[in-house]
């Protein structure tokens, strides 16, 4: 059974989300603040985290940073603010998605299922590894190595890189990447693609200001330049 951890300081929200998720047959654990949420994260070992930005002890952004530093568990941020700064910061820290309160139960479940679907392994036959010593992507194990050293990527960063390495030299528009990686219309905000690519370049490029792997095609989008 898929396990979801919900961290929110509003008991009414915790109760509502718990009811919605249990109705969908998810196993649920809840926490009212960041510190107890992090303890539950270690003991409960969830498959996904729903995380409020505004918490009474430590910020949701700090909790997100600690979670993503520990392992690649997907995080969906919950926010009462329709503020792009909060959302962008969450994405920069490794969050996979965000949803603004008040939310519709159907939208919440759709977002959760979309993220979980992206975690499922693709059963189609595929090459085991793509690239060379400079940058190697192990598609079976979903890992990336730069000159033999493991590169720690978030789920979104890895999925974005996988799209590129599976389609070398193909030029993708931001809208195409949004659909392929996020799997649905992400509020029409293609800036999330640019943000994710910026983070990814910092990890895989020798000089992120002069990238050799992920190339900007001005006026259109991006393509993969190879390893």
N, C-alpha and C. Protein backbone atom coordinates (compact mmCIF):
# COMPACT_ATOMS: atom_id res chain seq x y z
N UNK A 1 0.84 -1.19 0.00
CA UNK A 1 0.00 0.00 0.00
C UNK A 1 0.88 1.25 0.00
N UNK A 2 0.55 2.19 -0.85
CA UNK A 2 1.32 3.43 -0.96
C UNK A 2 1.15 4.28 0.31
N UNK A 3 2.27 4.75 0.84
CA UNK A 3 2.26 5.51 2.09
C UNK A 3 2.49 7.00 1.82
N UNK A 4 1.64 7.84 2.41
CA UNK A 4 1.75 9.28 2.23
C UNK A 4 1.82 9.96 3.60
N UNK A 5 2.80 10.83 3.75
CA UNK A 5 2.96 11.62 4.96
C UNK A 5 2.43 13.03 4.70
N UNK A 6 1.56 13.51 5.57
CA UNK A 6 0.99 14.86 5.45
C UNK A 6 1.48 15.70 6.62
N UNK A 7 2.12 16.84 6.31
CA UNK A 7 2.64 17.74 7.35
C UNK A 7 1.94 19.09 7.19
N UNK A 8 1.10 19.43 8.17
CA UNK A 8 0.33 20.68 8.12
C UNK A 8 -0.07 21.04 9.54
N UNK A 9 -0.04 22.33 9.89
CA UNK A 9 -0.35 22.73 11.25
C UNK A 9 -1.84 22.97 11.48
N UNK A 10 -2.67 22.86 10.45
CA UNK A 10 -4.11 23.03 10.61
C UNK A 10 -4.76 21.65 10.75
N UNK A 11 -5.30 21.37 11.94
CA UNK A 11 -5.87 20.05 12.19
C UNK A 11 -7.01 19.74 11.24
N UNK A 12 -7.80 20.75 10.90
CA UNK A 12 -8.92 20.52 9.97
C UNK A 12 -8.42 20.07 8.61
N UNK A 13 -7.31 20.66 8.17
CA UNK A 13 -6.72 20.27 6.89
C UNK A 13 -6.17 18.85 6.97
N UNK A 14 -5.48 18.54 8.07
CA UNK A 14 -4.96 17.18 8.25
C UNK A 14 -6.08 16.15 8.21
N UNK A 15 -7.16 16.45 8.93
CA UNK A 15 -8.29 15.51 8.97
C UNK A 15 -8.91 15.34 7.59
N UNK A 16 -9.07 16.45 6.88
CA UNK A 16 -9.68 16.40 5.54
C UNK A 16 -8.82 15.59 4.58
N UNK A 17 -7.51 15.89 4.55
CA UNK A 17 -6.62 15.19 3.63
C UNK A 17 -6.55 13.70 3.98
N UNK A 18 -6.47 13.41 5.27
CA UNK A 18 -6.42 12.01 5.70
C UNK A 18 -7.66 11.26 5.22
N UNK A 19 -8.83 11.88 5.34
CA UNK A 19 -10.07 11.24 4.89
C UNK A 19 -10.05 11.01 3.37
N UNK A 20 -9.61 12.03 2.62
CA UNK A 20 -9.55 11.92 1.16
C UNK A 20 -8.60 10.81 0.73
N UNK A 21 -7.43 10.75 1.36
CA UNK A 21 -6.41 9.77 0.97
C UNK A 21 -6.82 8.35 1.36
N UNK A 22 -7.40 8.21 2.54
CA UNK A 22 -7.82 6.87 2.97
C UNK A 22 -8.94 6.34 2.08
N UNK A 23 -9.76 7.24 1.59
CA UNK A 23 -10.83 6.84 0.67
C UNK A 23 -10.25 6.28 -0.63
N UNK A 24 -9.04 6.75 -0.96
CA UNK A 24 -8.34 6.27 -2.16
C UNK A 24 -7.41 5.09 -1.85
N UNK A 25 -7.51 4.56 -0.63
CA UNK A 25 -6.77 3.37 -0.20
C UNK A 25 -5.28 3.63 0.00
N UNK A 26 -4.92 4.89 0.33
CA UNK A 26 -3.54 5.18 0.69
C UNK A 26 -3.37 4.96 2.20
N UNK A 27 -2.17 4.60 2.62
CA UNK A 27 -1.83 4.55 4.04
C UNK A 27 -1.31 5.93 4.42
N UNK A 28 -1.84 6.51 5.49
CA UNK A 28 -1.57 7.91 5.80
C UNK A 28 -1.00 8.09 7.20
N UNK A 29 -0.01 8.97 7.31
CA UNK A 29 0.49 9.44 8.60
C UNK A 29 0.46 10.96 8.56
N UNK A 30 0.16 11.60 9.70
CA UNK A 30 0.06 13.06 9.73
C UNK A 30 0.94 13.63 10.84
N UNK A 31 1.39 14.87 10.60
CA UNK A 31 2.21 15.58 11.59
C UNK A 31 1.80 17.05 11.59
N UNK A 32 1.74 17.69 12.79
CA UNK A 32 1.29 19.08 12.88
C UNK A 32 2.40 20.13 12.78
N UNK A 33 3.65 19.69 12.68
CA UNK A 33 4.76 20.65 12.59
C UNK A 33 5.95 19.99 11.89
N UNK A 34 6.95 20.81 11.61
CA UNK A 34 8.09 20.32 10.84
C UNK A 34 8.94 19.29 11.55
N UNK A 35 9.21 19.51 12.82
CA UNK A 35 10.09 18.59 13.55
C UNK A 35 9.48 17.21 13.68
N UNK A 36 8.21 17.15 14.06
CA UNK A 36 7.56 15.84 14.17
C UNK A 36 7.39 15.22 12.79
N UNK A 37 7.21 16.07 11.77
CA UNK A 37 7.11 15.57 10.40
C UNK A 37 8.40 14.89 9.95
N UNK A 38 9.54 15.48 10.29
CA UNK A 38 10.82 14.88 9.92
C UNK A 38 11.06 13.58 10.67
N UNK A 39 10.63 13.52 11.94
CA UNK A 39 10.77 12.25 12.68
C UNK A 39 9.90 11.17 12.04
N UNK A 40 8.68 11.52 11.66
CA UNK A 40 7.79 10.56 11.02
C UNK A 40 8.33 10.14 9.65
N UNK A 41 8.97 11.08 8.97
CA UNK A 41 9.55 10.76 7.66
C UNK A 41 10.55 9.61 7.79
N UNK A 42 11.35 9.65 8.86
CA UNK A 42 12.35 8.60 9.06
C UNK A 42 11.71 7.27 9.48
N UNK A 43 10.68 7.33 10.32
CA UNK A 43 10.09 6.09 10.84
C UNK A 43 9.01 5.51 9.92
N UNK A 44 8.24 6.37 9.29
CA UNK A 44 7.13 5.93 8.45
C UNK A 44 7.60 5.55 7.04
N UNK A 45 8.68 6.19 6.59
CA UNK A 45 9.26 5.93 5.27
C UNK A 45 8.22 6.05 4.16
N UNK A 46 7.66 7.25 3.98
CA UNK A 46 6.56 7.42 3.02
C UNK A 46 7.03 7.35 1.57
N UNK A 47 6.08 7.08 0.69
CA UNK A 47 6.34 7.10 -0.75
C UNK A 47 6.19 8.51 -1.32
N UNK A 48 5.48 9.37 -0.58
CA UNK A 48 5.24 10.75 -1.03
C UNK A 48 4.92 11.59 0.20
N UNK A 49 5.28 12.88 0.14
CA UNK A 49 5.02 13.80 1.25
C UNK A 49 4.19 14.98 0.75
N UNK A 50 3.09 15.28 1.46
CA UNK A 50 2.34 16.52 1.26
C UNK A 50 2.78 17.47 2.36
N UNK A 51 3.32 18.62 1.99
CA UNK A 51 4.01 19.48 2.96
C UNK A 51 3.53 20.92 2.87
N UNK A 52 3.01 21.43 3.97
CA UNK A 52 2.59 22.83 4.04
C UNK A 52 3.81 23.74 4.13
N UNK A 53 3.77 24.87 3.47
CA UNK A 53 4.89 25.81 3.53
C UNK A 53 4.94 26.51 4.88
N UNK A 54 3.77 26.91 5.40
CA UNK A 54 3.71 27.68 6.64
C UNK A 54 3.53 26.74 7.83
N UNK A 55 4.61 26.50 8.57
CA UNK A 55 4.57 25.63 9.74
C UNK A 55 4.98 26.43 10.98
N UNK A 56 4.56 26.01 12.18
CA UNK A 56 4.79 26.83 13.38
C UNK A 56 6.21 26.81 13.91
N UNK A 57 7.01 25.79 13.57
CA UNK A 57 8.35 25.71 14.15
C UNK A 57 9.44 26.00 13.12
N UNK A 58 9.55 25.14 12.12
CA UNK A 58 10.51 25.40 11.04
C UNK A 58 9.73 25.47 9.74
N UNK A 59 10.25 26.20 8.78
CA UNK A 59 9.49 26.43 7.55
C UNK A 59 9.37 25.15 6.72
N UNK A 60 8.31 25.10 5.93
CA UNK A 60 8.15 23.98 5.02
C UNK A 60 9.28 23.87 4.04
N UNK A 61 9.86 25.01 3.67
CA UNK A 61 11.00 24.98 2.74
C UNK A 61 12.19 24.26 3.38
N UNK A 62 12.42 24.50 4.67
CA UNK A 62 13.53 23.83 5.35
C UNK A 62 13.24 22.33 5.48
N UNK A 63 12.00 21.98 5.76
CA UNK A 63 11.63 20.56 5.83
C UNK A 63 11.84 19.90 4.48
N UNK A 64 11.42 20.59 3.42
CA UNK A 64 11.61 20.06 2.06
C UNK A 64 13.08 19.82 1.77
N UNK A 65 13.93 20.79 2.15
CA UNK A 65 15.37 20.64 1.92
C UNK A 65 15.91 19.40 2.64
N UNK A 66 15.51 19.21 3.89
CA UNK A 66 16.01 18.05 4.64
C UNK A 66 15.51 16.74 4.05
N UNK A 67 14.26 16.71 3.63
CA UNK A 67 13.71 15.49 3.04
C UNK A 67 14.44 15.13 1.75
N UNK A 68 14.60 16.10 0.87
CA UNK A 68 15.22 15.81 -0.43
C UNK A 68 16.71 15.53 -0.29
N UNK A 69 17.32 16.01 0.77
CA UNK A 69 18.73 15.68 1.02
C UNK A 69 18.89 14.24 1.50
N UNK A 70 17.84 13.71 2.13
CA UNK A 70 17.92 12.34 2.66
C UNK A 70 17.71 11.30 1.57
N UNK A 71 16.66 11.48 0.78
CA UNK A 71 16.40 10.55 -0.32
C UNK A 71 15.44 11.19 -1.31
N UNK A 72 15.17 10.49 -2.39
CA UNK A 72 14.42 11.06 -3.51
C UNK A 72 12.91 10.88 -3.36
N UNK A 73 12.40 11.02 -2.16
CA UNK A 73 10.96 10.93 -1.95
C UNK A 73 10.29 12.17 -2.54
N UNK A 74 9.29 12.01 -3.39
CA UNK A 74 8.63 13.18 -3.98
C UNK A 74 7.87 13.99 -2.95
N UNK A 75 7.88 15.31 -3.13
CA UNK A 75 7.23 16.24 -2.22
C UNK A 75 6.27 17.13 -3.01
N UNK A 76 5.04 17.23 -2.52
CA UNK A 76 4.08 18.19 -3.07
C UNK A 76 3.85 19.25 -2.00
N UNK A 77 4.14 20.49 -2.33
CA UNK A 77 3.99 21.58 -1.38
C UNK A 77 2.54 22.06 -1.34
N UNK A 78 2.04 22.33 -0.14
CA UNK A 78 0.72 22.91 0.06
C UNK A 78 0.91 24.35 0.51
N UNK A 79 0.23 25.29 -0.12
CA UNK A 79 0.41 26.69 0.26
C UNK A 79 -0.90 27.45 0.17
N UNK A 80 -1.12 28.32 1.14
CA UNK A 80 -2.28 29.20 1.11
C UNK A 80 -1.97 30.45 0.31
N UNK A 81 -0.72 30.61 -0.09
CA UNK A 81 -0.30 31.79 -0.82
C UNK A 81 -0.25 31.50 -2.31
N UNK A 82 -0.86 32.36 -3.09
CA UNK A 82 -0.74 32.23 -4.54
C UNK A 82 0.44 33.10 -4.96
N UNK A 83 1.61 32.76 -4.43
CA UNK A 83 2.81 33.58 -4.58
C UNK A 83 3.86 32.79 -5.33
N UNK A 84 4.26 33.25 -6.50
CA UNK A 84 5.22 32.52 -7.33
C UNK A 84 6.56 32.39 -6.63
N UNK A 85 6.92 33.34 -5.74
CA UNK A 85 8.21 33.26 -5.05
C UNK A 85 8.25 32.03 -4.16
N UNK A 86 7.18 31.79 -3.39
CA UNK A 86 7.11 30.60 -2.54
C UNK A 86 7.20 29.34 -3.37
N UNK A 87 6.50 29.32 -4.49
CA UNK A 87 6.45 28.12 -5.32
C UNK A 87 7.79 27.85 -5.98
N UNK A 88 8.39 28.90 -6.49
CA UNK A 88 9.71 28.74 -7.14
C UNK A 88 10.74 28.26 -6.13
N UNK A 89 10.72 28.83 -4.92
CA UNK A 89 11.68 28.40 -3.90
C UNK A 89 11.48 26.93 -3.58
N UNK A 90 10.24 26.50 -3.44
CA UNK A 90 9.97 25.08 -3.18
C UNK A 90 10.52 24.19 -4.28
N UNK A 91 10.33 24.59 -5.53
CA UNK A 91 10.83 23.80 -6.66
C UNK A 91 12.35 23.78 -6.67
N UNK A 92 12.96 24.90 -6.33
CA UNK A 92 14.42 24.95 -6.29
C UNK A 92 14.98 24.03 -5.22
N UNK A 93 14.22 23.82 -4.14
CA UNK A 93 14.67 22.96 -3.05
C UNK A 93 14.37 21.49 -3.32
N UNK A 94 13.73 21.19 -4.44
CA UNK A 94 13.52 19.79 -4.82
C UNK A 94 12.09 19.32 -4.78
N UNK A 95 11.12 20.21 -4.45
CA UNK A 95 9.72 19.81 -4.49
C UNK A 95 9.33 19.44 -5.91
N UNK A 96 8.40 18.50 -6.02
CA UNK A 96 7.98 18.02 -7.33
C UNK A 96 6.76 18.74 -7.86
N UNK A 97 5.99 19.34 -6.98
CA UNK A 97 4.75 19.99 -7.39
C UNK A 97 4.30 20.89 -6.25
N UNK A 98 3.29 21.71 -6.51
CA UNK A 98 2.68 22.50 -5.46
C UNK A 98 1.19 22.60 -5.75
N UNK A 99 0.40 22.79 -4.71
CA UNK A 99 -1.04 22.98 -4.87
C UNK A 99 -1.47 24.04 -3.88
N UNK A 100 -2.31 24.96 -4.34
CA UNK A 100 -2.71 26.10 -3.52
C UNK A 100 -4.02 25.81 -2.81
N UNK A 101 -4.04 26.13 -1.50
CA UNK A 101 -5.28 26.02 -0.73
C UNK A 101 -6.19 27.21 -1.05
N UNK A 102 -7.51 27.03 -1.01
CA UNK A 102 -8.21 25.75 -0.83
C UNK A 102 -8.15 24.93 -2.12
N UNK A 103 -8.09 23.64 -2.00
CA UNK A 103 -7.96 22.78 -3.17
C UNK A 103 -9.16 21.85 -3.28
N UNK A 104 -9.40 21.41 -4.48
CA UNK A 104 -10.45 20.44 -4.74
C UNK A 104 -9.89 19.04 -4.50
N UNK A 105 -10.68 18.17 -3.87
CA UNK A 105 -10.21 16.82 -3.55
C UNK A 105 -9.77 16.08 -4.81
N UNK A 106 -10.49 16.28 -5.90
CA UNK A 106 -10.16 15.58 -7.15
C UNK A 106 -8.83 16.06 -7.70
N UNK A 107 -8.58 17.37 -7.57
CA UNK A 107 -7.30 17.90 -8.05
C UNK A 107 -6.14 17.36 -7.21
N UNK A 108 -6.34 17.30 -5.90
CA UNK A 108 -5.29 16.78 -5.02
C UNK A 108 -4.94 15.34 -5.39
N UNK A 109 -5.94 14.50 -5.55
CA UNK A 109 -5.70 13.10 -5.90
C UNK A 109 -5.05 13.00 -7.27
N UNK A 110 -5.50 13.82 -8.22
CA UNK A 110 -4.91 13.78 -9.56
C UNK A 110 -3.44 14.15 -9.52
N UNK A 111 -3.09 15.16 -8.73
CA UNK A 111 -1.69 15.57 -8.61
C UNK A 111 -0.85 14.45 -7.98
N UNK A 112 -1.38 13.85 -6.92
CA UNK A 112 -0.66 12.77 -6.24
C UNK A 112 -0.44 11.60 -7.19
N UNK A 113 -1.49 11.19 -7.90
CA UNK A 113 -1.37 10.04 -8.79
C UNK A 113 -0.43 10.33 -9.95
N UNK A 114 -0.41 11.59 -10.42
CA UNK A 114 0.50 11.94 -11.50
C UNK A 114 1.95 11.79 -11.06
N UNK A 115 2.25 12.25 -9.84
CA UNK A 115 3.62 12.12 -9.33
C UNK A 115 3.97 10.65 -9.11
N UNK A 116 3.05 9.88 -8.56
CA UNK A 116 3.32 8.46 -8.30
C UNK A 116 3.50 7.68 -9.59
N UNK A 117 2.74 8.05 -10.63
CA UNK A 117 2.91 7.36 -11.92
C UNK A 117 4.30 7.55 -12.47
N UNK A 118 4.85 8.74 -12.25
CA UNK A 118 6.19 9.01 -12.76
C UNK A 118 7.26 8.23 -12.01
N UNK A 119 6.89 7.72 -10.83
CA UNK A 119 7.84 6.91 -10.07
C UNK A 119 7.89 5.47 -10.54
N UNK A 120 6.83 5.05 -11.21
CA UNK A 120 6.76 3.66 -11.65
C UNK A 120 7.80 3.41 -12.74
N UNK A 121 8.42 2.28 -12.67
CA UNK A 121 9.43 1.93 -13.66
C UNK A 121 8.79 1.63 -14.98
N UNK A 122 9.43 2.03 -16.05
CA UNK A 122 8.96 1.74 -17.39
C UNK A 122 9.39 0.31 -17.74
N UNK A 123 8.40 -0.54 -18.06
CA UNK A 123 8.70 -1.95 -18.32
C UNK A 123 9.22 -2.20 -19.73
N UNK A 124 9.20 -1.19 -20.58
CA UNK A 124 9.68 -1.39 -21.95
C UNK A 124 11.18 -1.62 -21.94
N UNK A 125 11.66 -2.50 -22.86
CA UNK A 125 13.10 -2.73 -22.96
C UNK A 125 13.83 -1.42 -23.25
N UNK A 126 14.99 -1.25 -22.66
CA UNK A 126 15.74 -0.02 -22.88
C UNK A 126 17.23 -0.27 -22.66
N UNK A 127 17.99 0.64 -23.18
CA UNK A 127 19.43 0.55 -22.96
C UNK A 127 19.71 0.71 -21.48
N UNK A 128 20.71 0.00 -21.04
CA UNK A 128 21.06 0.08 -19.62
C UNK A 128 21.70 1.41 -19.28
N UNK A 129 22.65 1.85 -20.12
CA UNK A 129 23.37 3.08 -19.83
C UNK A 129 23.52 3.92 -21.09
N UNK A 130 23.49 5.23 -20.89
CA UNK A 130 23.66 6.16 -22.00
C UNK A 130 24.72 7.17 -21.61
N UNK A 131 25.66 7.43 -22.51
CA UNK A 131 26.68 8.43 -22.23
C UNK A 131 28.07 7.83 -22.19
N UNK A 132 28.98 8.52 -21.55
CA UNK A 132 30.35 8.04 -21.42
C UNK A 132 30.88 8.45 -20.04
N UNK A 133 32.17 8.40 -19.86
CA UNK A 133 32.75 8.68 -18.54
C UNK A 133 32.45 10.11 -18.08
N UNK A 134 32.36 11.04 -19.03
CA UNK A 134 32.09 12.43 -18.65
C UNK A 134 30.72 12.56 -18.00
N UNK A 135 29.71 11.91 -18.57
CA UNK A 135 28.36 11.93 -18.00
C UNK A 135 27.66 10.64 -18.41
N UNK A 136 27.37 9.80 -17.43
CA UNK A 136 26.74 8.50 -17.68
C UNK A 136 25.39 8.44 -16.97
N UNK A 137 24.35 8.07 -17.72
CA UNK A 137 23.01 7.91 -17.16
C UNK A 137 22.67 6.43 -17.18
N UNK A 138 22.47 5.85 -16.00
CA UNK A 138 22.07 4.46 -15.86
C UNK A 138 20.55 4.42 -15.81
N UNK A 139 19.93 4.04 -16.92
CA UNK A 139 18.47 4.11 -17.03
C UNK A 139 17.77 3.05 -16.20
N UNK A 140 18.41 1.90 -16.01
CA UNK A 140 17.80 0.85 -15.20
C UNK A 140 17.73 1.24 -13.73
N UNK A 141 18.81 1.81 -13.23
CA UNK A 141 18.89 2.16 -11.81
C UNK A 141 18.55 3.61 -11.53
N UNK A 142 18.26 4.36 -12.61
CA UNK A 142 17.87 5.77 -12.49
C UNK A 142 18.92 6.57 -11.71
N UNK A 143 20.16 6.37 -12.08
CA UNK A 143 21.27 7.09 -11.44
C UNK A 143 22.12 7.77 -12.50
N UNK A 144 22.85 8.79 -12.07
CA UNK A 144 23.68 9.58 -12.98
C UNK A 144 25.07 9.71 -12.38
N UNK A 145 26.09 9.54 -13.24
CA UNK A 145 27.47 9.65 -12.79
C UNK A 145 28.21 10.66 -13.66
N UNK A 146 28.96 11.52 -13.01
CA UNK A 146 29.82 12.48 -13.70
C UNK A 146 31.26 12.14 -13.39
N UNK A 147 31.98 11.69 -14.40
CA UNK A 147 33.36 11.22 -14.24
C UNK A 147 33.46 10.19 -13.11
N UNK A 148 32.51 9.29 -13.08
CA UNK A 148 32.53 8.20 -12.13
C UNK A 148 31.95 8.52 -10.77
N UNK A 149 31.59 9.77 -10.53
CA UNK A 149 31.05 10.17 -9.23
C UNK A 149 29.53 10.33 -9.33
N UNK A 150 28.82 9.75 -8.36
CA UNK A 150 27.36 9.82 -8.36
C UNK A 150 26.90 11.26 -8.22
N UNK A 151 25.94 11.64 -9.08
CA UNK A 151 25.34 12.98 -9.02
C UNK A 151 23.97 12.84 -8.38
N UNK A 152 23.74 13.57 -7.29
CA UNK A 152 22.46 13.50 -6.59
C UNK A 152 21.46 14.42 -7.28
N UNK A 153 20.43 13.81 -7.90
CA UNK A 153 19.40 14.57 -8.58
C UNK A 153 18.05 14.36 -7.90
N UNK A 154 17.20 15.38 -7.96
CA UNK A 154 15.82 15.19 -7.52
C UNK A 154 15.09 14.39 -8.59
N UNK A 155 13.88 13.94 -8.26
CA UNK A 155 13.09 13.16 -9.21
C UNK A 155 12.87 13.93 -10.50
N UNK A 156 12.48 15.19 -10.40
CA UNK A 156 12.21 15.99 -11.59
C UNK A 156 13.48 16.20 -12.42
N UNK A 157 14.59 16.47 -11.76
CA UNK A 157 15.84 16.67 -12.48
C UNK A 157 16.23 15.42 -13.25
N UNK A 158 16.09 14.26 -12.60
CA UNK A 158 16.42 13.02 -13.29
C UNK A 158 15.49 12.78 -14.48
N UNK A 159 14.20 12.96 -14.28
CA UNK A 159 13.25 12.70 -15.36
C UNK A 159 13.47 13.63 -16.54
N UNK A 160 13.83 14.87 -16.24
CA UNK A 160 14.12 15.82 -17.31
C UNK A 160 15.35 15.37 -18.10
N UNK A 161 16.39 14.97 -17.37
CA UNK A 161 17.60 14.49 -18.03
C UNK A 161 17.32 13.23 -18.85
N UNK A 162 16.48 12.35 -18.32
CA UNK A 162 16.16 11.11 -19.04
C UNK A 162 15.46 11.41 -20.36
N UNK A 163 14.55 12.38 -20.36
CA UNK A 163 13.89 12.77 -21.61
C UNK A 163 14.93 13.19 -22.64
N UNK A 164 15.91 13.97 -22.20
CA UNK A 164 16.94 14.45 -23.13
C UNK A 164 17.81 13.30 -23.64
N UNK A 165 18.29 12.43 -22.75
CA UNK A 165 19.22 11.40 -23.20
C UNK A 165 18.53 10.35 -24.06
N UNK A 166 17.23 10.18 -23.89
CA UNK A 166 16.49 9.24 -24.74
C UNK A 166 16.18 9.85 -26.11
N UNK A 167 16.36 11.15 -26.22
CA UNK A 167 16.06 11.84 -27.49
C UNK A 167 17.21 12.78 -27.85
N UNK A 168 18.41 12.23 -28.06
CA UNK A 168 19.58 13.08 -28.29
C UNK A 168 19.41 13.97 -29.51
N UNK A 169 19.74 15.23 -29.33
CA UNK A 169 19.73 16.24 -30.39
C UNK A 169 18.34 16.68 -30.82
N UNK A 170 17.27 16.10 -30.25
CA UNK A 170 15.92 16.57 -30.54
C UNK A 170 15.68 17.86 -29.76
N UNK A 171 15.10 18.84 -30.42
CA UNK A 171 14.81 20.11 -29.77
C UNK A 171 13.41 20.04 -29.17
N UNK A 172 13.32 20.32 -27.87
CA UNK A 172 12.05 20.31 -27.16
C UNK A 172 11.64 21.73 -26.80
N UNK A 173 10.38 22.06 -27.01
CA UNK A 173 9.86 23.32 -26.50
C UNK A 173 9.62 23.16 -24.99
N UNK A 174 9.48 24.28 -24.30
CA UNK A 174 9.20 24.22 -22.87
C UNK A 174 7.87 23.52 -22.61
N UNK A 175 6.89 23.78 -23.48
CA UNK A 175 5.58 23.14 -23.31
C UNK A 175 5.68 21.63 -23.45
N UNK A 176 6.50 21.14 -24.38
CA UNK A 176 6.68 19.70 -24.55
C UNK A 176 7.33 19.08 -23.32
N UNK A 177 8.35 19.75 -22.79
CA UNK A 177 9.03 19.24 -21.60
C UNK A 177 8.09 19.27 -20.40
N UNK A 178 7.28 20.30 -20.30
CA UNK A 178 6.30 20.40 -19.22
C UNK A 178 5.36 19.19 -19.25
N UNK A 179 4.88 18.85 -20.44
CA UNK A 179 3.96 17.73 -20.57
C UNK A 179 4.65 16.39 -20.30
N UNK A 180 5.87 16.22 -20.82
CA UNK A 180 6.55 14.94 -20.68
C UNK A 180 7.00 14.67 -19.25
N UNK A 181 7.47 15.69 -18.55
CA UNK A 181 8.03 15.49 -17.22
C UNK A 181 7.00 15.70 -16.12
N UNK A 182 6.17 16.74 -16.25
CA UNK A 182 5.19 17.01 -15.21
C UNK A 182 3.87 16.28 -15.49
N UNK A 183 3.62 15.94 -16.73
CA UNK A 183 2.51 15.06 -17.06
C UNK A 183 1.15 15.71 -17.16
N UNK A 184 1.04 16.99 -16.97
CA UNK A 184 -0.23 17.69 -17.08
C UNK A 184 0.07 19.17 -17.21
N UNK A 185 -0.97 19.95 -17.45
CA UNK A 185 -0.79 21.39 -17.60
C UNK A 185 -0.43 22.00 -16.26
N UNK A 186 0.82 22.40 -16.10
CA UNK A 186 1.32 22.93 -14.83
C UNK A 186 1.00 24.41 -14.74
N UNK A 187 -0.30 24.71 -14.67
CA UNK A 187 -0.79 26.08 -14.53
C UNK A 187 -0.31 26.96 -15.69
N UNK A 188 0.14 26.34 -16.79
CA UNK A 188 0.63 27.10 -17.92
C UNK A 188 1.93 27.82 -17.65
N UNK A 189 2.61 27.48 -16.57
CA UNK A 189 3.81 28.22 -16.16
C UNK A 189 5.06 27.47 -16.60
N UNK A 190 5.58 27.81 -17.77
CA UNK A 190 6.77 27.12 -18.29
C UNK A 190 8.04 27.53 -17.56
N UNK A 191 7.94 28.48 -16.63
CA UNK A 191 9.13 28.87 -15.86
C UNK A 191 9.66 27.70 -15.03
N UNK A 192 8.77 26.76 -14.67
CA UNK A 192 9.24 25.64 -13.87
C UNK A 192 10.25 24.79 -14.65
N UNK A 193 10.10 24.77 -15.98
CA UNK A 193 11.06 24.04 -16.82
C UNK A 193 12.42 24.73 -16.75
N UNK A 194 12.43 26.04 -16.90
CA UNK A 194 13.69 26.79 -16.85
C UNK A 194 14.36 26.64 -15.48
N UNK A 195 13.56 26.66 -14.42
CA UNK A 195 14.11 26.52 -13.07
C UNK A 195 14.77 25.16 -12.91
N UNK A 196 14.08 24.11 -13.35
CA UNK A 196 14.60 22.76 -13.21
C UNK A 196 15.86 22.57 -14.05
N UNK A 197 15.87 23.13 -15.25
CA UNK A 197 17.05 23.02 -16.11
C UNK A 197 18.23 23.77 -15.49
N UNK A 198 17.97 24.92 -14.90
CA UNK A 198 19.05 25.66 -14.24
C UNK A 198 19.67 24.83 -13.12
N UNK A 199 18.82 24.19 -12.29
CA UNK A 199 19.34 23.34 -11.21
C UNK A 199 20.11 22.16 -11.76
N UNK A 200 19.57 21.55 -12.82
CA UNK A 200 20.21 20.38 -13.42
C UNK A 200 21.58 20.73 -14.01
N UNK A 201 21.65 21.85 -14.68
CA UNK A 201 22.93 22.28 -15.26
C UNK A 201 24.00 22.48 -14.19
N UNK A 202 23.61 23.02 -13.05
CA UNK A 202 24.58 23.26 -11.98
C UNK A 202 25.19 21.95 -11.49
N UNK A 203 24.46 20.85 -11.68
CA UNK A 203 24.93 19.56 -11.18
C UNK A 203 25.70 18.75 -12.22
N UNK A 204 25.36 18.92 -13.51
CA UNK A 204 25.99 18.05 -14.52
C UNK A 204 26.97 18.78 -15.43
N UNK A 205 26.92 20.10 -15.47
CA UNK A 205 27.81 20.86 -16.35
C UNK A 205 29.07 21.29 -15.59
N UNK A 206 30.19 21.36 -16.29
CA UNK A 206 31.39 21.92 -15.69
C UNK A 206 31.22 23.42 -15.49
N UNK A 207 30.57 24.06 -16.47
CA UNK A 207 30.31 25.50 -16.39
C UNK A 207 28.85 25.70 -16.79
N UNK A 208 27.98 25.91 -15.80
CA UNK A 208 26.55 26.00 -16.09
C UNK A 208 26.19 27.21 -16.95
N UNK A 209 27.08 28.20 -16.97
CA UNK A 209 26.82 29.38 -17.81
C UNK A 209 27.21 29.13 -19.27
N UNK A 210 27.95 28.04 -19.50
CA UNK A 210 28.35 27.66 -20.86
C UNK A 210 28.12 26.16 -21.02
N UNK A 211 26.86 25.73 -21.01
CA UNK A 211 26.54 24.29 -20.96
C UNK A 211 26.90 23.55 -22.24
N UNK A 212 27.33 22.30 -22.06
CA UNK A 212 27.66 21.43 -23.19
C UNK A 212 26.64 20.30 -23.35
N UNK A 213 25.90 20.01 -22.27
CA UNK A 213 24.96 18.90 -22.32
C UNK A 213 23.54 19.35 -22.66
N UNK A 214 23.03 20.31 -21.93
CA UNK A 214 21.69 20.81 -22.20
C UNK A 214 21.81 22.19 -22.83
N UNK A 215 21.50 22.24 -24.11
CA UNK A 215 21.76 23.43 -24.92
C UNK A 215 20.46 24.23 -25.11
N UNK A 216 20.55 25.54 -24.90
CA UNK A 216 19.41 26.41 -25.14
C UNK A 216 19.30 26.72 -26.63
N UNK A 217 18.11 26.51 -27.19
CA UNK A 217 17.81 26.91 -28.57
C UNK A 217 16.94 28.15 -28.45
N UNK A 218 17.54 29.30 -28.61
CA UNK A 218 16.86 30.56 -28.34
C UNK A 218 15.61 30.74 -29.20
N UNK A 219 14.54 31.14 -28.54
CA UNK A 219 13.28 31.33 -29.22
C UNK A 219 12.44 30.08 -29.33
N UNK A 220 13.00 28.93 -28.87
CA UNK A 220 12.22 27.70 -28.96
C UNK A 220 12.25 26.87 -27.69
N UNK A 221 13.45 26.42 -27.28
CA UNK A 221 13.49 25.55 -26.11
C UNK A 221 14.88 25.02 -25.85
N UNK A 222 15.02 23.70 -25.74
CA UNK A 222 16.27 23.07 -25.36
C UNK A 222 16.50 21.77 -26.14
N UNK A 223 17.76 21.40 -26.25
CA UNK A 223 18.11 20.08 -26.78
C UNK A 223 19.29 19.53 -25.99
N UNK A 224 19.48 18.22 -26.12
CA UNK A 224 20.59 17.56 -25.43
C UNK A 224 21.79 17.50 -26.37
N UNK A 225 22.93 17.94 -25.85
CA UNK A 225 24.12 17.96 -26.67
C UNK A 225 24.97 16.71 -26.54
N UNK A 226 24.54 15.76 -25.69
CA UNK A 226 25.32 14.53 -25.52
C UNK A 226 26.33 14.67 -24.41
N UNK A 227 26.99 13.54 -24.12
CA UNK A 227 28.00 13.52 -23.06
C UNK A 227 29.33 13.91 -23.61
